[in-house]
Amino acid sequence: MSVPDRYVVVGNPIQHSKSPDIHARFARQTDQHLVYERLLAPLEGFSSTMQAFVAGGGKGANVTVPFKVDAYHYATALTERAQAAGAVNTLKMEGATILGDNTDGVGLVTDIEQNARVSLAGKRILLLGAGGAARGVILPLLTERPAELIIANRTFSKAAELARHFSQLGSVVQACEFSAIDRPFDVIINATSASLAAEVPPVPAVAFAGQSLAYDMMYAKEPTPFLQFALRQGAGIRDGLGMLVEQAAESFFLWRGVRPDTSPVYQELSSIL
């Protein structure tokens, strides 16, 4: 039997990653001959770790914290969405070329539109945070042609800088301070790290309306504090598990040319969280 193609998820720490569970299910479902493992890289050793992986015949990698910017610089070619994000979460080895892509944003959009069944076209979107997580999803969100995309951040200058960066794609992108939010939005996306610390971003309750969807990029067994706050305002809620599965499916498609069915994988992971 032929040797299976090898893929990894690279990070530090990495043991918590659900990616091997997801891709093992994708491979079985689509009858793909591959192995997918966790790879711990030293904090100052991303490039050397990847060079060894490629030299050993590695075909592709997912990249997680804290190496997405390192992967951006390591790639020899970039997709448009990776260029816009300034970060890479997927690497594909194609001969001498190392293609860098960012599937986070398309994973988010797919989960909202197809799984949560909320269309983003013509909607008012509030994006909380101005770090790498936020930057990685702006271009795919704008592709859906929302009425407006407002970036709110504790440090206003960072939100303003991000808005200026994407303003060439349309005047719908603007920045504001949390204290300046004075009306409801259709979709509120938490791209801050507040949920990691069991905190709630300082977003006013007025941002949520009865028909709003509150989306947290983080996921956990129980709703995050942000989602609990949104629930109390009457909003619908969804966490980032679906985004995780959908971005993985996009990576899998990039590598293998086959698009897996994400629904059963999402259901299985939800049941064992």
Protein backbone atom coordinates (compact mmCIF):
# COMPACT_ATOMS: atom_id res chain seq x y z
CA MET A 1 0.00 0.00 0.00
CA SER A 2 1.28 3.48 -0.82
CA VAL A 3 2.53 5.82 1.86
CA PRO A 4 -0.22 8.26 2.91
CA ASP A 5 0.21 11.97 2.22
CA ARG A 6 1.17 13.84 5.36
CA TYR A 7 -0.47 16.96 6.77
CA VAL A 8 -0.10 18.72 10.11
CA VAL A 9 -1.43 21.53 12.24
CA VAL A 10 1.45 23.64 13.57
CA GLY A 11 1.24 25.72 16.73
CA ASN A 12 2.47 26.33 20.26
CA PRO A 13 0.66 25.07 22.29
CA ILE A 14 -0.94 22.47 20.02
CA GLN A 15 -2.29 19.54 22.07
CA HIS A 16 -5.72 21.18 22.40
CA SER A 17 -6.23 21.37 18.61
CA LYS A 18 -9.35 19.67 17.24
CA SER A 19 -7.99 19.82 13.67
CA PRO A 20 -6.71 16.19 13.58
CA ASP A 21 -10.17 14.96 14.64
CA ILE A 22 -11.83 17.04 11.93
CA HIS A 23 -9.48 16.08 9.10
CA ALA A 24 -9.52 12.39 10.03
CA ARG A 25 -13.30 12.48 9.60
CA PHE A 26 -12.99 14.37 6.30
CA ALA A 27 -10.46 11.80 5.00
CA ARG A 28 -12.68 8.82 5.88
CA GLN A 29 -15.73 10.49 4.39
CA THR A 30 -14.00 11.32 1.07
CA ASP A 31 -11.79 8.21 0.90
CA GLN A 32 -8.54 10.20 0.90
CA HIS A 33 -5.27 8.42 1.78
CA LEU A 34 -3.61 10.78 4.24
CA VAL A 35 -2.48 11.27 7.82
CA TYR A 36 -2.96 14.50 9.74
CA GLU A 37 -1.06 15.16 12.99
CA ARG A 38 -0.24 17.85 15.52
CA LEU A 39 3.19 19.46 15.21
CA LEU A 40 4.61 21.53 18.07
CA ALA A 41 7.03 24.22 16.87
CA PRO A 42 9.37 26.16 19.18
CA LEU A 43 8.28 29.77 19.57
CA GLU A 44 11.35 30.94 17.67
CA GLY A 45 11.52 27.93 15.36
CA PHE A 46 8.60 28.01 12.94
CA SER A 47 10.67 28.20 9.74
CA SER A 48 13.08 25.44 10.74
CA THR A 49 10.18 23.23 11.82
CA MET A 50 8.44 23.74 8.49
CA GLN A 51 11.63 23.19 6.50
CA ALA A 52 12.08 19.81 8.17
CA PHE A 53 8.43 18.95 7.52
CA VAL A 54 8.70 19.86 3.82
CA ALA A 55 12.03 18.01 3.48
CA GLY A 56 10.27 14.93 4.85
CA GLY A 57 7.67 15.08 2.09
CA GLY A 58 4.94 17.03 3.90
CA LYS A 59 2.10 18.09 1.60
CA GLY A 60 0.36 20.79 3.61
CA ALA A 61 -0.18 22.40 6.98
CA ASN A 62 -2.70 24.32 8.99
CA VAL A 63 -1.14 27.05 11.11
CA THR A 64 -2.49 28.27 14.42
CA VAL A 65 -1.43 30.59 17.24
CA PRO A 66 1.12 32.14 17.34
CA PHE A 67 2.51 31.43 13.87
CA LYS A 68 0.01 32.83 11.34
CA VAL A 69 2.17 35.87 10.56
CA ASP A 70 5.29 33.67 10.42
CA ALA A 71 3.48 31.48 7.89
CA TYR A 72 2.59 34.57 5.86
CA HIS A 73 6.29 35.37 5.49
CA TYR A 74 7.28 31.72 5.01
CA ALA A 75 4.98 31.23 2.00
CA THR A 76 6.44 31.84 -1.45
CA ALA A 77 3.03 32.66 -2.99
CA LEU A 78 -0.14 34.08 -1.44
CA THR A 79 -3.85 33.99 -2.27
CA GLU A 80 -5.77 37.28 -2.39
CA ARG A 81 -7.45 36.58 0.94
CA ALA A 82 -4.11 35.76 2.58
CA GLN A 83 -2.68 39.03 1.28
CA ALA A 84 -5.66 40.96 2.65
CA ALA A 85 -5.46 39.21 6.02
CA GLY A 86 -1.72 39.66 6.39
CA ALA A 87 -1.73 36.17 7.92
CA VAL A 88 -1.78 32.56 6.73
CA ASN A 89 -3.53 29.59 8.33
CA THR A 90 -3.08 27.12 5.46
CA LEU A 91 0.06 26.12 3.56
CA LYS A 92 0.10 23.91 0.46
CA MET A 93 3.32 22.49 -0.94
CA GLU A 94 3.27 22.48 -4.76
CA GLY A 95 6.70 21.48 -6.03
CA ALA A 96 9.02 24.36 -5.23
CA THR A 97 6.08 26.65 -4.37
CA ILE A 98 4.66 27.03 -0.88
CA LEU A 99 1.19 28.55 -1.29
CA GLY A 100 -0.18 30.49 1.67
CA ASP A 101 -3.93 30.90 2.12
CA ASN A 102 -6.25 32.14 4.85
CA THR A 103 -9.48 30.15 5.18
CA ASP A 104 -10.71 31.70 8.45
CA GLY A 105 -12.93 34.31 6.82
CA VAL A 106 -14.58 31.99 4.34
CA GLY A 107 -15.12 29.54 7.20
CA LEU A 108 -16.90 32.25 9.19
CA VAL A 109 -19.04 33.40 6.26
CA THR A 110 -19.99 29.84 5.30
CA ASP A 111 -21.03 29.04 8.86
CA ILE A 112 -23.15 32.17 9.16
CA GLU A 113 -24.81 31.96 5.75
CA GLN A 114 -25.20 28.22 5.18
CA ASN A 115 -25.42 26.80 8.69
CA ALA A 116 -26.98 29.65 10.68
CA ARG A 117 -28.96 30.63 7.54
CA VAL A 118 -28.33 34.34 7.97
CA SER A 119 -27.65 36.25 4.75
CA LEU A 120 -25.03 38.98 5.10
CA ALA A 121 -26.05 40.90 1.98
CA GLY A 122 -27.35 44.35 2.87
CA LYS A 123 -26.87 43.74 6.60
CA ARG A 124 -25.31 45.98 9.24
CA ILE A 125 -22.31 44.14 10.69
CA LEU A 126 -20.44 45.08 13.86
CA LEU A 127 -16.99 43.49 14.17
CA LEU A 128 -15.51 43.58 17.67
CA GLY A 129 -11.73 43.67 17.76
CA ALA A 130 -8.97 44.84 15.42
CA GLY A 131 -6.35 42.13 15.80
CA GLY A 132 -5.39 39.26 13.52
CA ALA A 133 -8.66 37.40 13.97
CA ALA A 134 -10.65 40.42 12.83
CA ARG A 135 -8.31 41.26 9.97
CA GLY A 136 -8.54 37.72 8.61
CA VAL A 137 -12.30 37.84 8.08
CA ILE A 138 -12.92 41.34 6.69
CA LEU A 139 -12.38 40.62 2.98
CA PRO A 140 -14.72 37.56 2.95
CA LEU A 141 -17.33 39.56 4.89
CA LEU A 142 -17.12 42.43 2.39
CA THR A 143 -17.47 39.97 -0.49
CA GLU A 144 -21.03 39.33 0.73
CA ARG A 145 -21.87 43.03 0.20
CA PRO A 146 -23.12 44.14 3.61
CA ALA A 147 -24.70 47.57 3.98
CA GLU A 148 -21.96 48.49 6.45
CA LEU A 149 -19.12 46.94 8.39
CA ILE A 150 -18.18 48.77 11.57
CA ILE A 151 -14.98 47.82 13.42
CA ALA A 152 -15.00 48.57 17.15
CA ASN A 153 -11.94 48.19 19.36
CA ARG A 154 -10.72 49.24 22.81
CA THR A 155 -7.84 51.07 21.11
CA PHE A 156 -9.60 53.20 18.50
CA SER A 157 -6.43 53.88 16.50
CA LYS A 158 -6.11 50.16 15.69
CA ALA A 159 -9.70 50.00 14.46
CA ALA A 160 -9.17 53.15 12.38
CA GLU A 161 -5.99 51.74 10.86
CA LEU A 162 -7.78 48.52 9.91
CA ALA A 163 -10.70 50.45 8.41
CA ARG A 164 -8.32 52.56 6.33
CA HIS A 165 -6.58 49.43 5.07
CA PHE A 166 -9.83 47.99 3.73
CA SER A 167 -11.45 51.30 2.70
CA GLN A 168 -10.25 50.77 -0.87
CA LEU A 169 -12.85 47.99 -1.07
CA GLY A 170 -15.68 50.38 -0.27
CA SER A 171 -16.88 53.10 2.04
CA VAL A 172 -18.97 50.58 4.03
CA VAL A 173 -15.95 49.92 6.27
CA GLN A 174 -15.66 52.32 9.20
CA ALA A 175 -14.21 52.36 12.72
CA CYS A 176 -15.71 53.46 16.00
CA GLU A 177 -15.09 53.33 19.73
CA PHE A 178 -17.20 51.01 21.85
CA SER A 179 -18.71 54.02 23.62
CA ALA A 180 -19.89 55.42 20.27
CA ILE A 181 -22.11 52.41 19.47
CA ASP A 182 -25.64 53.81 19.77
CA ARG A 183 -27.83 51.61 17.55
CA PRO A 184 -28.57 47.96 16.81
CA PHE A 185 -26.77 45.81 14.25
CA ASP A 186 -27.95 42.76 12.35
CA VAL A 187 -24.81 40.71 13.03
CA ILE A 188 -22.33 41.26 15.88
CA ILE A 189 -19.10 39.24 15.61
CA ASN A 190 -16.73 38.91 18.56
CA ALA A 191 -13.18 38.67 17.21
CA THR A 192 -11.58 39.80 20.49
CA SER A 193 -9.80 37.49 22.92
CA ALA A 194 -12.19 38.45 25.74
CA SER A 195 -13.82 35.02 25.82
CA LEU A 196 -10.47 33.38 26.57
CA ALA A 197 -10.43 35.36 29.81
CA ALA A 198 -14.17 34.72 30.46
CA GLU A 199 -14.85 38.43 29.89
CA VAL A 200 -17.30 40.40 27.76
CA PRO A 201 -16.09 43.10 25.34
CA PRO A 202 -17.45 46.52 26.39
CA VAL A 203 -20.15 46.51 23.72
CA PRO A 204 -23.33 48.38 24.72
CA ALA A 205 -26.57 46.43 24.99
CA VAL A 206 -28.11 48.74 22.38
CA ALA A 207 -26.03 46.98 19.69
CA PHE A 208 -28.27 43.92 19.99
CA ALA A 209 -31.78 43.75 18.61
CA GLY A 210 -34.29 40.93 18.75
CA GLN A 211 -33.34 39.78 15.27
CA SER A 212 -29.58 40.16 15.73
CA LEU A 213 -27.16 37.27 15.41
CA ALA A 214 -24.34 37.38 17.95
CA TYR A 215 -21.36 35.29 16.82
CA ASP A 216 -18.33 34.45 18.94
CA MET A 217 -15.27 33.11 17.10
CA MET A 218 -14.40 31.21 20.28
CA TYR A 219 -16.24 28.01 21.19
CA ALA A 220 -16.78 26.09 24.41
CA LYS A 221 -19.11 23.54 25.96
CA GLU A 222 -21.26 26.35 27.40
CA PRO A 223 -22.04 29.74 25.79
CA THR A 224 -19.24 32.25 26.28
CA PRO A 225 -19.86 35.31 28.48
CA PHE A 226 -20.29 37.37 25.30
CA LEU A 227 -23.00 35.02 24.01
CA GLN A 228 -24.69 34.94 27.42
CA PHE A 229 -24.80 38.74 27.38
CA ALA A 230 -26.25 38.69 23.85
CA LEU A 231 -28.90 36.18 24.90
CA ARG A 232 -30.03 38.50 27.68
CA GLN A 233 -30.55 41.21 25.05
CA GLY A 234 -32.77 38.87 23.02
CA ALA A 235 -30.29 38.10 20.23
CA GLY A 236 -29.72 34.76 18.54
CA ILE A 237 -26.31 33.24 19.24
CA ARG A 238 -23.73 30.98 17.60
CA ASP A 239 -20.18 30.07 18.64
CA GLY A 240 -17.09 29.44 16.53
CA LEU A 241 -17.17 25.63 16.30
CA GLY A 242 -18.88 25.81 12.92
CA MET A 243 -16.27 28.30 11.71
CA LEU A 244 -13.54 25.88 12.82
CA VAL A 245 -15.09 23.03 10.83
CA GLU A 246 -15.80 25.16 7.75
CA GLN A 247 -12.32 26.70 7.57
CA ALA A 248 -10.91 23.18 7.87
CA ALA A 249 -13.10 22.05 4.98
CA GLU A 250 -11.79 24.92 2.85
CA SER A 251 -8.20 23.88 3.65
CA PHE A 252 -9.04 20.25 2.82
CA PHE A 253 -10.51 21.34 -0.52
CA LEU A 254 -7.39 23.39 -1.30
CA TRP A 255 -5.16 20.38 -0.61
CA ARG A 256 -7.23 17.52 -2.04
CA GLY A 257 -9.62 19.06 -4.57
CA VAL A 258 -12.54 17.40 -2.75
CA ARG A 259 -15.07 19.28 -0.60
CA PRO A 260 -16.23 17.27 2.43
CA ASP A 261 -19.70 17.37 3.95
CA THR A 262 -19.25 19.43 7.10
CA SER A 263 -22.65 18.82 8.69
CA PRO A 264 -22.02 15.34 10.20
CA VAL A 265 -18.55 16.39 11.38
CA TYR A 266 -19.97 19.46 13.12
CA GLN A 267 -22.68 17.35 14.77
CA GLU A 268 -20.14 14.79 16.03
CA LEU A 269 -17.83 17.44 17.47
CA SER A 270 -20.74 19.25 19.11
CA SER A 271 -21.76 16.07 20.89
CA ILE A 272 -18.32 15.39 22.35
CA LEU A 273 -17.33 18.92 23.39
